Amino acid sequence: MKALVLLAATTGVVAQGQTCSRDALQAIVGNYFKAVESHQMSALAMAGSVRITENAAEIKAGEGFFKSGGKLQLQRTIIDTGKCSTLTQAVLEENAGGKTGPVLMAVRLKSEGGRVSEIETIIARTGDFAFKPQGVLDTKDQDWATLMPAAQRRTREFLNGQADKYYQMFEDHKVDPGFATPCNRWENGTLTTAKGDCSWSGSVMTHPRRRFPVTDVEMGVAAAITNFRDDWLDVHIFKFNAEGKIALIQAVDGPGTKGTGWAYDK
């Protein structure tokens, strides 16, 4: 009996490892965008209890951007094998009201047993803060794919902690998140660091608590989701260099909402 229990537990661990590998999770991301472009939800394996939000509002499978979304122009994905989750920044076409134009998106996918159980999308459109999708396309040569050598990797706690200090810095300018020189940031495609300096010494801002649902320890990237200034829906993706300094920040700033639609991390 004990042998059977051990075998079942071992089989479960192996199956989880297979469905949560980098390759398996990257394939799920690809299937998500196939479902968006084709408007066919059958392209994406989903759990029966899948929960989907779009700009903090809950929707059903096949609704919202699954109807209006179009061709993918650029994507960069971070992968969290520990949480079996991904977060992708993307530029896509959208057809709304008979007109086609680009949108910026951050989409978080969580998988369980090879099926998507959570889909969280933040979509920025014309009129949202600093909206400039061409600016993201212009950064297509940034390296968001190479994994760090094992000896240079930081812990999840370190990456998330330094990223959280970024938000603390707006309230207390003495807080140092540890920026590289140079450090550059794009907000909805608009470069906001002309001098290669990501620090902030302007007006004091306070932000609600942040969520850190996806951290790519292997690549050295942390993603934070919150409501910037308790105003608009916000995703910041922080890429660290080999010295553990924040070198690149890509942000997707959606519309004004209260809350993100998801519970805080436990």
C-alpha atoms as a PDB file:
ATOM      1  CA  MET A   1       0.000   0.000   0.000  1.00  0.00           C
ATOM      2  CA  LYS A   2       2.815   2.398   0.915  1.00  0.00           C
ATOM      3  CA  ALA A   3       4.515   1.622  -2.393  1.00  0.00           C
ATOM      4  CA  LEU A   4       1.346   2.519  -4.299  1.00  0.00           C
ATOM      5  CA  VAL A   5       1.018   5.820  -2.442  1.00  0.00           C
ATOM      6  CA  LEU A   6       4.678   6.645  -3.137  1.00  0.00           C
ATOM      7  CA  LEU A   7       4.248   5.762  -6.816  1.00  0.00           C
ATOM      8  CA  ALA A   8       1.166   7.964  -7.109  1.00  0.00           C
ATOM      9  CA  ALA A   9       2.949  10.876  -5.437  1.00  0.00           C
ATOM     10  CA  THR A  10       5.997  10.461  -7.651  1.00  0.00           C
ATOM     11  CA  THR A  11       3.843  10.259 -10.776  1.00  0.00           C
ATOM     12  CA  GLY A  12       2.071  13.458  -9.742  1.00  0.00           C
ATOM     13  CA  VAL A  13       5.367  15.306  -9.293  1.00  0.00           C
ATOM     14  CA  VAL A  14       6.618  14.129 -12.697  1.00  0.00           C
ATOM     15  CA  ALA A  15       3.357  15.138 -14.400  1.00  0.00           C
ATOM     16  CA  GLN A  16       3.462  18.566 -12.752  1.00  0.00           C
ATOM     17  CA  GLY A  17       7.065  19.019 -13.878  1.00  0.00           C
ATOM     18  CA  GLN A  18       6.155  18.130 -17.446  1.00  0.00           C
ATOM     19  CA  THR A  19       3.191  20.515 -17.667  1.00  0.00           C
ATOM     20  CA  CYS A  20       5.035  23.334 -15.883  1.00  0.00           C
ATOM     21  CA  SER A  21       8.298  23.213 -17.818  1.00  0.00           C
ATOM     22  CA  ARG A  22       9.403  26.326 -19.704  1.00  0.00           C
ATOM     23  CA  ASP A  23       8.624  24.674 -23.031  1.00  0.00           C
ATOM     24  CA  ALA A  24       5.176  23.512 -21.931  1.00  0.00           C
ATOM     25  CA  LEU A  25       4.225  26.915 -20.539  1.00  0.00           C
ATOM     26  CA  GLN A  26       5.561  28.711 -23.626  1.00  0.00           C
ATOM     27  CA  ALA A  27       3.381  26.435 -25.764  1.00  0.00           C
ATOM     28  CA  ILE A  28       0.331  27.400 -23.702  1.00  0.00           C
ATOM     29  CA  VAL A  29       1.114  31.084 -24.331  1.00  0.00           C
ATOM     30  CA  GLY A  30       1.268  30.355 -28.052  1.00  0.00           C
ATOM     31  CA  ASN A  31      -2.102  28.621 -27.907  1.00  0.00           C
ATOM     32  CA  TYR A  32      -3.592  31.594 -26.065  1.00  0.00           C
ATOM     33  CA  PHE A  33      -2.659  33.945 -28.887  1.00  0.00           C
ATOM     34  CA  LYS A  34      -3.959  31.445 -31.435  1.00  0.00           C
ATOM     35  CA  ALA A  35      -7.303  31.530 -29.627  1.00  0.00           C
ATOM     36  CA  VAL A  36      -7.294  35.341 -29.667  1.00  0.00           C
ATOM     37  CA  GLU A  37      -6.454  35.685 -33.363  1.00  0.00           C
ATOM     38  CA  SER A  38      -8.733  32.872 -34.574  1.00  0.00           C
ATOM     39  CA  HIS A  39     -11.545  33.630 -32.094  1.00  0.00           C
ATOM     40  CA  GLN A  40     -11.622  29.871 -31.470  1.00  0.00           C
ATOM     41  CA  MET A  41     -11.419  28.961 -27.797  1.00  0.00           C
ATOM     42  CA  SER A  42     -10.793  25.348 -28.759  1.00  0.00           C
ATOM     43  CA  ALA A  43      -7.200  26.357 -29.494  1.00  0.00           C
ATOM     44  CA  LEU A  44      -6.589  26.787 -25.758  1.00  0.00           C
ATOM     45  CA  ALA A  45      -6.998  23.959 -23.243  1.00  0.00           C
ATOM     46  CA  MET A  46      -8.784  25.418 -20.225  1.00  0.00           C
ATOM     47  CA  ALA A  47      -9.931  24.067 -16.891  1.00  0.00           C
ATOM     48  CA  GLY A  48     -13.671  23.853 -16.386  1.00  0.00           C
ATOM     49  CA  SER A  49     -13.371  26.373 -13.547  1.00  0.00           C
ATOM     50  CA  VAL A  50     -11.196  28.858 -15.478  1.00  0.00           C
ATOM     51  CA  ARG A  51     -11.465  32.456 -14.245  1.00  0.00           C
ATOM     52  CA  ILE A  52     -10.884  35.288 -16.722  1.00  0.00           C
ATOM     53  CA  THR A  53     -10.623  39.021 -16.144  1.00  0.00           C
ATOM     54  CA  GLU A  54     -10.107  41.824 -18.629  1.00  0.00           C
ATOM     55  CA  ASN A  55      -9.047  45.165 -17.151  1.00  0.00           C
ATOM     56  CA  ALA A  56     -10.148  43.927 -13.720  1.00  0.00           C
ATOM     57  CA  ALA A  57     -13.671  42.922 -14.866  1.00  0.00           C
ATOM     58  CA  GLU A  58     -14.629  39.258 -14.928  1.00  0.00           C
ATOM     59  CA  ILE A  59     -15.664  37.871 -18.327  1.00  0.00           C
ATOM     60  CA  LYS A  60     -16.523  34.493 -19.812  1.00  0.00           C
ATOM     61  CA  ALA A  61     -14.394  32.478 -22.212  1.00  0.00           C
ATOM     62  CA  GLY A  62     -14.840  33.795 -25.748  1.00  0.00           C
ATOM     63  CA  GLU A  63     -15.939  37.267 -24.654  1.00  0.00           C
ATOM     64  CA  GLY A  64     -14.082  40.588 -24.719  1.00  0.00           C
ATOM     65  CA  PHE A  65     -10.702  40.576 -26.415  1.00  0.00           C
ATOM     66  CA  PHE A  66     -11.251  36.994 -27.520  1.00  0.00           C
ATOM     67  CA  LYS A  67     -13.773  38.499 -29.951  1.00  0.00           C
ATOM     68  CA  SER A  68     -11.973  41.706 -30.921  1.00  0.00           C
ATOM     69  CA  GLY A  69      -8.321  40.626 -30.775  1.00  0.00           C
ATOM     70  CA  GLY A  70      -6.270  40.113 -33.898  1.00  0.00           C
ATOM     71  CA  LYS A  71      -2.788  39.470 -35.209  1.00  0.00           C
ATOM     72  CA  LEU A  72       0.133  39.362 -32.800  1.00  0.00           C
ATOM     73  CA  GLN A  73       2.898  41.833 -33.667  1.00  0.00           C
ATOM     74  CA  LEU A  74       5.310  41.364 -30.742  1.00  0.00           C
ATOM     75  CA  GLN A  75       5.443  39.371 -27.549  1.00  0.00           C
ATOM     76  CA  ARG A  76       7.894  38.828 -24.709  1.00  0.00           C
ATOM     77  CA  THR A  77       7.083  36.240 -22.087  1.00  0.00           C
ATOM     78  CA  ILE A  78       8.431  35.558 -18.612  1.00  0.00           C
ATOM     79  CA  ILE A  79       7.912  32.097 -17.167  1.00  0.00           C
ATOM     80  CA  ASP A  80       7.475  31.046 -13.553  1.00  0.00           C
ATOM     81  CA  THR A  81       7.848  27.265 -13.402  1.00  0.00           C
ATOM     82  CA  GLY A  82       7.438  27.332  -9.612  1.00  0.00           C
ATOM     83  CA  LYS A  83       3.940  28.833  -9.860  1.00  0.00           C
ATOM     84  CA  CYS A  84       3.176  27.256 -13.255  1.00  0.00           C
ATOM     85  CA  SER A  85       2.422  30.737 -14.583  1.00  0.00           C
ATOM     86  CA  THR A  86       3.441  33.136 -17.328  1.00  0.00           C
ATOM     87  CA  LEU A  87       3.176  36.836 -18.003  1.00  0.00           C
ATOM     88  CA  THR A  88       3.431  38.228 -21.523  1.00  0.00           C
ATOM     89  CA  GLN A  89       3.765  41.786 -22.776  1.00  0.00           C
ATOM     90  CA  ALA A  90       2.383  42.026 -26.288  1.00  0.00           C
ATOM     91  CA  VAL A  91       1.392  44.325 -29.125  1.00  0.00           C
ATOM     92  CA  LEU A  92      -1.606  43.099 -31.085  1.00  0.00           C
ATOM     93  CA  GLU A  93      -4.171  44.356 -33.549  1.00  0.00           C
ATOM     94  CA  GLU A  94      -7.752  44.864 -32.416  1.00  0.00           C
ATOM     95  CA  ASN A  95     -10.861  45.267 -34.526  1.00  0.00           C
ATOM     96  CA  ALA A  96     -13.434  47.352 -32.707  1.00  0.00           C
ATOM     97  CA  GLY A  97     -16.289  49.264 -34.247  1.00  0.00           C
ATOM     98  CA  GLY A  98     -15.157  48.351 -37.724  1.00  0.00           C
ATOM     99  CA  LYS A  99     -11.729  49.901 -37.194  1.00  0.00           C
ATOM    100  CA  THR A 100      -8.435  48.063 -36.746  1.00  0.00           C
ATOM    101  CA  GLY A 101      -5.622  49.445 -34.621  1.00  0.00           C
ATOM    102  CA  PRO A 102      -2.887  48.356 -32.205  1.00  0.00           C
ATOM    103  CA  VAL A 103      -3.288  47.712 -28.494  1.00  0.00           C
ATOM    104  CA  LEU A 104      -0.795  46.928 -25.751  1.00  0.00           C
ATOM    105  CA  MET A 105      -1.452  43.992 -23.495  1.00  0.00           C
ATOM    106  CA  ALA A 106      -0.109  42.199 -20.463  1.00  0.00           C
ATOM    107  CA  VAL A 107      -1.629  38.760 -20.002  1.00  0.00           C
ATOM    108  CA  ARG A 108      -1.057  36.414 -17.071  1.00  0.00           C
ATOM    109  CA  LEU A 109      -1.805  32.720 -17.515  1.00  0.00           C
ATOM    110  CA  LYS A 110      -1.840  30.111 -14.760  1.00  0.00           C
ATOM    111  CA  SER A 111      -1.864  26.433 -15.658  1.00  0.00           C
ATOM    112  CA  GLU A 112      -2.934  23.391 -13.694  1.00  0.00           C
ATOM    113  CA  GLY A 113      -2.286  19.974 -15.184  1.00  0.00           C
ATOM    114  CA  GLY A 114      -1.703  21.454 -18.621  1.00  0.00           C
ATOM    115  CA  ARG A 115      -4.979  23.404 -18.632  1.00  0.00           C
ATOM    116  CA  VAL A 116      -5.302  27.131 -18.072  1.00  0.00           C
ATOM    117  CA  SER A 117      -7.105  27.930 -14.837  1.00  0.00           C
ATOM    118  CA  GLU A 118      -6.566  31.719 -14.681  1.00  0.00           C
ATOM    119  CA  ILE A 119      -6.373  34.401 -17.376  1.00  0.00           C
ATOM    120  CA  GLU A 120      -5.735  37.994 -16.326  1.00  0.00           C
ATOM    121  CA  THR A 121      -5.442  40.628 -19.043  1.00  0.00           C
ATOM    122  CA  ILE A 122      -4.554  44.296 -18.808  1.00  0.00           C
ATOM    123  CA  ILE A 123      -5.162  46.083 -22.110  1.00  0.00           C
ATOM    124  CA  ALA A 124      -4.045  49.615 -22.966  1.00  0.00           C
ATOM    125  CA  ARG A 125      -5.736  51.433 -25.827  1.00  0.00           C
ATOM    126  CA  THR A 126      -5.719  54.851 -27.445  1.00  0.00           C
ATOM    127  CA  GLY A 127      -6.335  57.453 -24.749  1.00  0.00           C
ATOM    128  CA  ASP A 128      -4.639  55.512 -21.955  1.00  0.00           C
ATOM    129  CA  PHE A 129      -1.554  56.907 -20.237  1.00  0.00           C
ATOM    130  CA  ALA A 130       1.440  57.542 -22.572  1.00  0.00           C
ATOM    131  CA  PHE A 131      -0.032  55.140 -25.157  1.00  0.00           C
ATOM    132  CA  LYS A 132       2.553  54.545 -27.882  1.00  0.00           C
ATOM    133  CA  PRO A 133       2.572  50.952 -29.169  1.00  0.00           C
ATOM    134  CA  GLN A 134       5.215  51.739 -31.785  1.00  0.00           C
ATOM    135  CA  GLY A 135       7.564  52.482 -28.902  1.00  0.00           C
ATOM    136  CA  VAL A 136       7.271  48.882 -27.737  1.00  0.00           C
ATOM    137  CA  LEU A 137       7.800  47.582 -31.271  1.00  0.00           C
ATOM    138  CA  ASP A 138      10.946  49.705 -31.428  1.00  0.00           C
ATOM    139  CA  THR A 139      12.342  47.726 -28.468  1.00  0.00           C
ATOM    140  CA  LYS A 140      12.014  44.392 -30.279  1.00  0.00           C
ATOM    141  CA  ASP A 141      15.778  43.793 -30.061  1.00  0.00           C
ATOM    142  CA  GLN A 142      15.845  43.913 -26.255  1.00  0.00           C
ATOM    143  CA  ASP A 143      16.868  40.535 -24.837  1.00  0.00           C
ATOM    144  CA  TRP A 144      13.991  39.110 -22.822  1.00  0.00           C
ATOM    145  CA  ALA A 145      14.800  35.495 -23.680  1.00  0.00           C
ATOM    146  CA  THR A 146      18.309  34.593 -22.499  1.00  0.00           C
ATOM    147  CA  LEU A 147      18.429  32.777 -19.180  1.00  0.00           C
ATOM    148  CA  MET A 148      20.966  33.772 -16.566  1.00  0.00           C
ATOM    149  CA  PRO A 149      23.780  31.387 -15.607  1.00  0.00           C
ATOM    150  CA  ALA A 150      22.797  29.534 -12.447  1.00  0.00           C
ATOM    151  CA  ALA A 151      25.498  31.271 -10.386  1.00  0.00           C
ATOM    152  CA  GLN A 152      24.070  34.718 -11.222  1.00  0.00           C
ATOM    153  CA  ARG A 153      20.434  33.987 -10.411  1.00  0.00           C
ATOM    154  CA  ARG A 154      18.760  35.739  -7.495  1.00  0.00           C
ATOM    155  CA  THR A 155      15.944  34.357  -5.380  1.00  0.00           C
ATOM    156  CA  ARG A 156      12.278  35.060  -5.917  1.00  0.00           C
ATOM    157  CA  GLU A 157      12.263  36.997  -2.657  1.00  0.00           C
ATOM    158  CA  PHE A 158      15.145  39.226  -3.756  1.00  0.00           C
ATOM    159  CA  LEU A 159      13.684  40.029  -7.187  1.00  0.00           C
ATOM    160  CA  ASN A 160      10.226  40.772  -5.816  1.00  0.00           C
ATOM    161  CA  GLY A 161      11.633  42.738  -2.886  1.00  0.00           C
ATOM    162  CA  GLN A 162      13.710  45.035  -5.086  1.00  0.00           C
ATOM    163  CA  ALA A 163      10.792  45.505  -7.485  1.00  0.00           C
ATOM    164  CA  ASP A 164       8.553  46.427  -4.560  1.00  0.00           C
ATOM    165  CA  LYS A 165      11.076  49.061  -3.487  1.00  0.00           C
ATOM    166  CA  TYR A 166      10.459  50.733  -6.841  1.00  0.00           C
ATOM    167  CA  TYR A 167       6.946  51.608  -5.699  1.00  0.00           C
ATOM    168  CA  GLN A 168       8.135  52.542  -2.216  1.00  0.00           C
ATOM    169  CA  MET A 169      10.568  54.999  -3.839  1.00  0.00           C
ATOM    170  CA  PHE A 170       7.684  57.183  -5.025  1.00  0.00           C
ATOM    171  CA  GLU A 171       6.606  57.706  -1.417  1.00  0.00           C
ATOM    172  CA  ASP A 172      10.063  57.874   0.144  1.00  0.00           C
ATOM    173  CA  HIS A 173      12.772  59.071  -2.235  1.00  0.00           C
ATOM    174  CA  LYS A 174      15.463  57.649   0.045  1.00  0.00           C
ATOM    175  CA  VAL A 175      14.425  54.085  -0.843  1.00  0.00           C
ATOM    176  CA  ASP A 176      16.865  52.581  -3.331  1.00  0.00           C
ATOM    177  CA  PRO A 177      15.526  49.753  -5.547  1.00  0.00           C
ATOM    178  CA  GLY A 178      19.019  49.214  -6.945  1.00  0.00           C
ATOM    179  CA  PHE A 179      19.037  50.579 -10.493  1.00  0.00           C
ATOM    180  CA  ALA A 180      21.700  49.777 -13.058  1.00  0.00           C
ATOM    181  CA  THR A 181      23.523  52.517 -14.953  1.00  0.00           C
ATOM    182  CA  PRO A 182      21.911  52.982 -17.354  1.00  0.00           C
ATOM    183  CA  CYS A 183      18.377  51.945 -16.434  1.00  0.00           C
ATOM    184  CA  ASN A 184      15.581  52.598 -18.918  1.00  0.00           C
ATOM    185  CA  ARG A 185      11.811  52.443 -18.572  1.00  0.00           C
ATOM    186  CA  TRP A 186       8.999  52.384 -21.126  1.00  0.00           C
ATOM    187  CA  GLU A 187       5.453  53.221 -20.023  1.00  0.00           C
ATOM    188  CA  ASN A 188       2.973  51.989 -22.631  1.00  0.00           C
ATOM    189  CA  GLY A 189       5.761  52.317 -25.172  1.00  0.00           C
ATOM    190  CA  THR A 190       6.846  55.826 -24.178  1.00  0.00           C
ATOM    191  CA  LEU A 191      10.467  56.087 -23.020  1.00  0.00           C
ATOM    192  CA  THR A 192      10.385  57.989 -19.719  1.00  0.00           C
ATOM    193  CA  THR A 193      14.100  57.845 -18.899  1.00  0.00           C
ATOM    194  CA  ALA A 194      15.824  60.043 -21.476  1.00  0.00           C
ATOM    195  CA  LYS A 195      18.979  60.134 -19.339  1.00  0.00           C
ATOM    196  CA  GLY A 196      19.028  56.429 -18.489  1.00  0.00           C
ATOM    197  CA  ASP A 197      17.950  57.020 -14.891  1.00  0.00           C
ATOM    198  CA  CYS A 198      14.963  55.123 -13.446  1.00  0.00           C
ATOM    199  CA  SER A 199      15.010  56.902 -10.083  1.00  0.00           C
ATOM    200  CA  TRP A 200      12.244  59.287  -9.001  1.00  0.00           C
ATOM    201  CA  SER A 201      12.609  62.571  -7.140  1.00  0.00           C
ATOM    202  CA  GLY A 202       9.390  64.300  -8.176  1.00  0.00           C
ATOM    203  CA  SER A 203       6.079  64.597  -6.359  1.00  0.00           C
ATOM    204  CA  VAL A 204       5.267  62.054  -3.649  1.00  0.00           C
ATOM    205  CA  MET A 205       2.942  59.262  -4.768  1.00  0.00           C
ATOM    206  CA  THR A 206       1.441  56.388  -2.823  1.00  0.00           C
ATOM    207  CA  HIS A 207       0.384  53.089  -4.329  1.00  0.00           C
ATOM    208  CA  PRO A 208      -1.778  50.233  -3.077  1.00  0.00           C
ATOM    209  CA  ARG A 209      -0.186  46.941  -2.165  1.00  0.00           C
ATOM    210  CA  ARG A 210       1.437  45.164  -5.095  1.00  0.00           C
ATOM    211  CA  ARG A 211       0.912  41.619  -6.347  1.00  0.00           C
ATOM    212  CA  PHE A 212       3.844  39.558  -7.651  1.00  0.00           C
ATOM    213  CA  PRO A 213       2.142  36.610  -9.355  1.00  0.00           C
ATOM    214  CA  VAL A 214       4.903  35.792 -11.863  1.00  0.00           C
ATOM    215  CA  THR A 215       8.652  35.810 -11.186  1.00  0.00           C
ATOM    216  CA  ASP A 216      11.106  34.355 -13.674  1.00  0.00           C
ATOM    217  CA  VAL A 217      14.065  33.441 -11.487  1.00  0.00           C
ATOM    218  CA  GLU A 218      15.892  31.816 -14.389  1.00  0.00           C
ATOM    219  CA  MET A 219      15.756  34.958 -16.516  1.00  0.00           C
ATOM    220  CA  GLY A 220      16.012  37.429 -13.642  1.00  0.00           C
ATOM    221  CA  VAL A 221      12.661  39.170 -14.107  1.00  0.00           C
ATOM    222  CA  ALA A 222       9.867  40.142 -11.706  1.00  0.00           C
ATOM    223  CA  ALA A 223       6.365  41.332 -12.627  1.00  0.00           C
ATOM    224  CA  ALA A 224       4.226  43.512 -10.357  1.00  0.00           C
ATOM    225  CA  ILE A 225       0.512  44.217 -10.775  1.00  0.00           C
ATOM    226  CA  THR A 226      -1.245  47.041  -8.935  1.00  0.00           C
ATOM    227  CA  ASN A 227      -3.221  50.257  -9.378  1.00  0.00           C
ATOM    228  CA  PHE A 228      -0.656  52.990  -9.931  1.00  0.00           C
ATOM    229  CA  ARG A 229      -1.421  55.869  -7.512  1.00  0.00           C
ATOM    230  CA  ASP A 230      -4.606  53.923  -6.752  1.00  0.00           C
ATOM    231  CA  ASP A 231      -5.708  55.208 -10.141  1.00  0.00           C
ATOM    232  CA  TRP A 232      -5.051  53.098 -13.238  1.00  0.00           C
ATOM    233  CA  LEU A 233      -4.424  49.391 -13.709  1.00  0.00           C
ATOM    234  CA  ASP A 234      -0.699  48.836 -13.955  1.00  0.00           C
ATOM    235  CA  VAL A 235       1.820  46.091 -14.771  1.00  0.00           C
ATOM    236  CA  HIS A 236       5.543  46.716 -14.425  1.00  0.00           C
ATOM    237  CA  ILE A 237       8.055  44.112 -15.607  1.00  0.00           C
ATOM    238  CA  PHE A 238      11.537  44.501 -14.091  1.00  0.00           C
ATOM    239  CA  LYS A 239      14.579  42.920 -15.755  1.00  0.00           C
ATOM    240  CA  PHE A 240      17.694  42.553 -13.624  1.00  0.00           C
ATOM    241  CA  ASN A 241      21.269  42.389 -14.869  1.00  0.00           C
ATOM    242  CA  ALA A 242      24.026  40.008 -13.788  1.00  0.00           C
ATOM    243  CA  GLU A 243      24.855  42.258 -10.799  1.00  0.00           C
ATOM    244  CA  GLY A 244      21.296  42.108  -9.494  1.00  0.00           C
ATOM    245  CA  LYS A 245      20.465  45.659 -10.595  1.00  0.00           C
ATOM    246  CA  ILE A 246      17.275  46.709 -12.390  1.00  0.00           C
ATOM    247  CA  ALA A 247      18.314  47.507 -15.953  1.00  0.00           C
ATOM    248  CA  LEU A 248      15.070  47.505 -17.955  1.00  0.00           C
ATOM    249  CA  ILE A 249      11.449  48.229 -17.059  1.00  0.00           C
ATOM    250  CA  GLN A 250       8.531  47.641 -19.407  1.00  0.00           C
ATOM    251  CA  ALA A 251       5.101  48.759 -18.200  1.00  0.00           C
ATOM    252  CA  VAL A 252       1.566  48.315 -19.458  1.00  0.00           C
ATOM    253  CA  ASP A 253      -0.788  50.949 -18.049  1.00  0.00           C
ATOM    254  CA  GLY A 254      -4.454  50.193 -18.535  1.00  0.00           C
ATOM    255  CA  PRO A 255      -7.574  52.219 -17.787  1.00  0.00           C
ATOM    256  CA  GLY A 256      -8.646  53.584 -14.435  1.00  0.00           C
ATOM    257  CA  THR A 257      -9.905  50.867 -12.092  1.00  0.00           C
ATOM    258  CA  LYS A 258     -10.217  50.254  -8.386  1.00  0.00           C
ATOM    259  CA  GLY A 259      -8.503  46.996  -7.597  1.00  0.00           C
ATOM    260  CA  THR A 260      -7.031  44.497 -10.034  1.00  0.00           C
ATOM    261  CA  GLY A 261      -9.814  41.943  -9.874  1.00  0.00           C
ATOM    262  CA  TRP A 262      -7.635  39.383  -8.069  1.00  0.00           C
ATOM    263  CA  ALA A 263      -6.770  38.636  -4.459  1.00  0.00           C
ATOM    264  CA  TYR A 264      -3.369  39.563  -3.086  1.00  0.00           C
ATOM    265  CA  ASP A 265      -0.658  36.925  -2.925  1.00  0.00           C
ATOM    266  CA  LYS A 266      -0.790  34.822   0.210  1.00  0.00           C
END
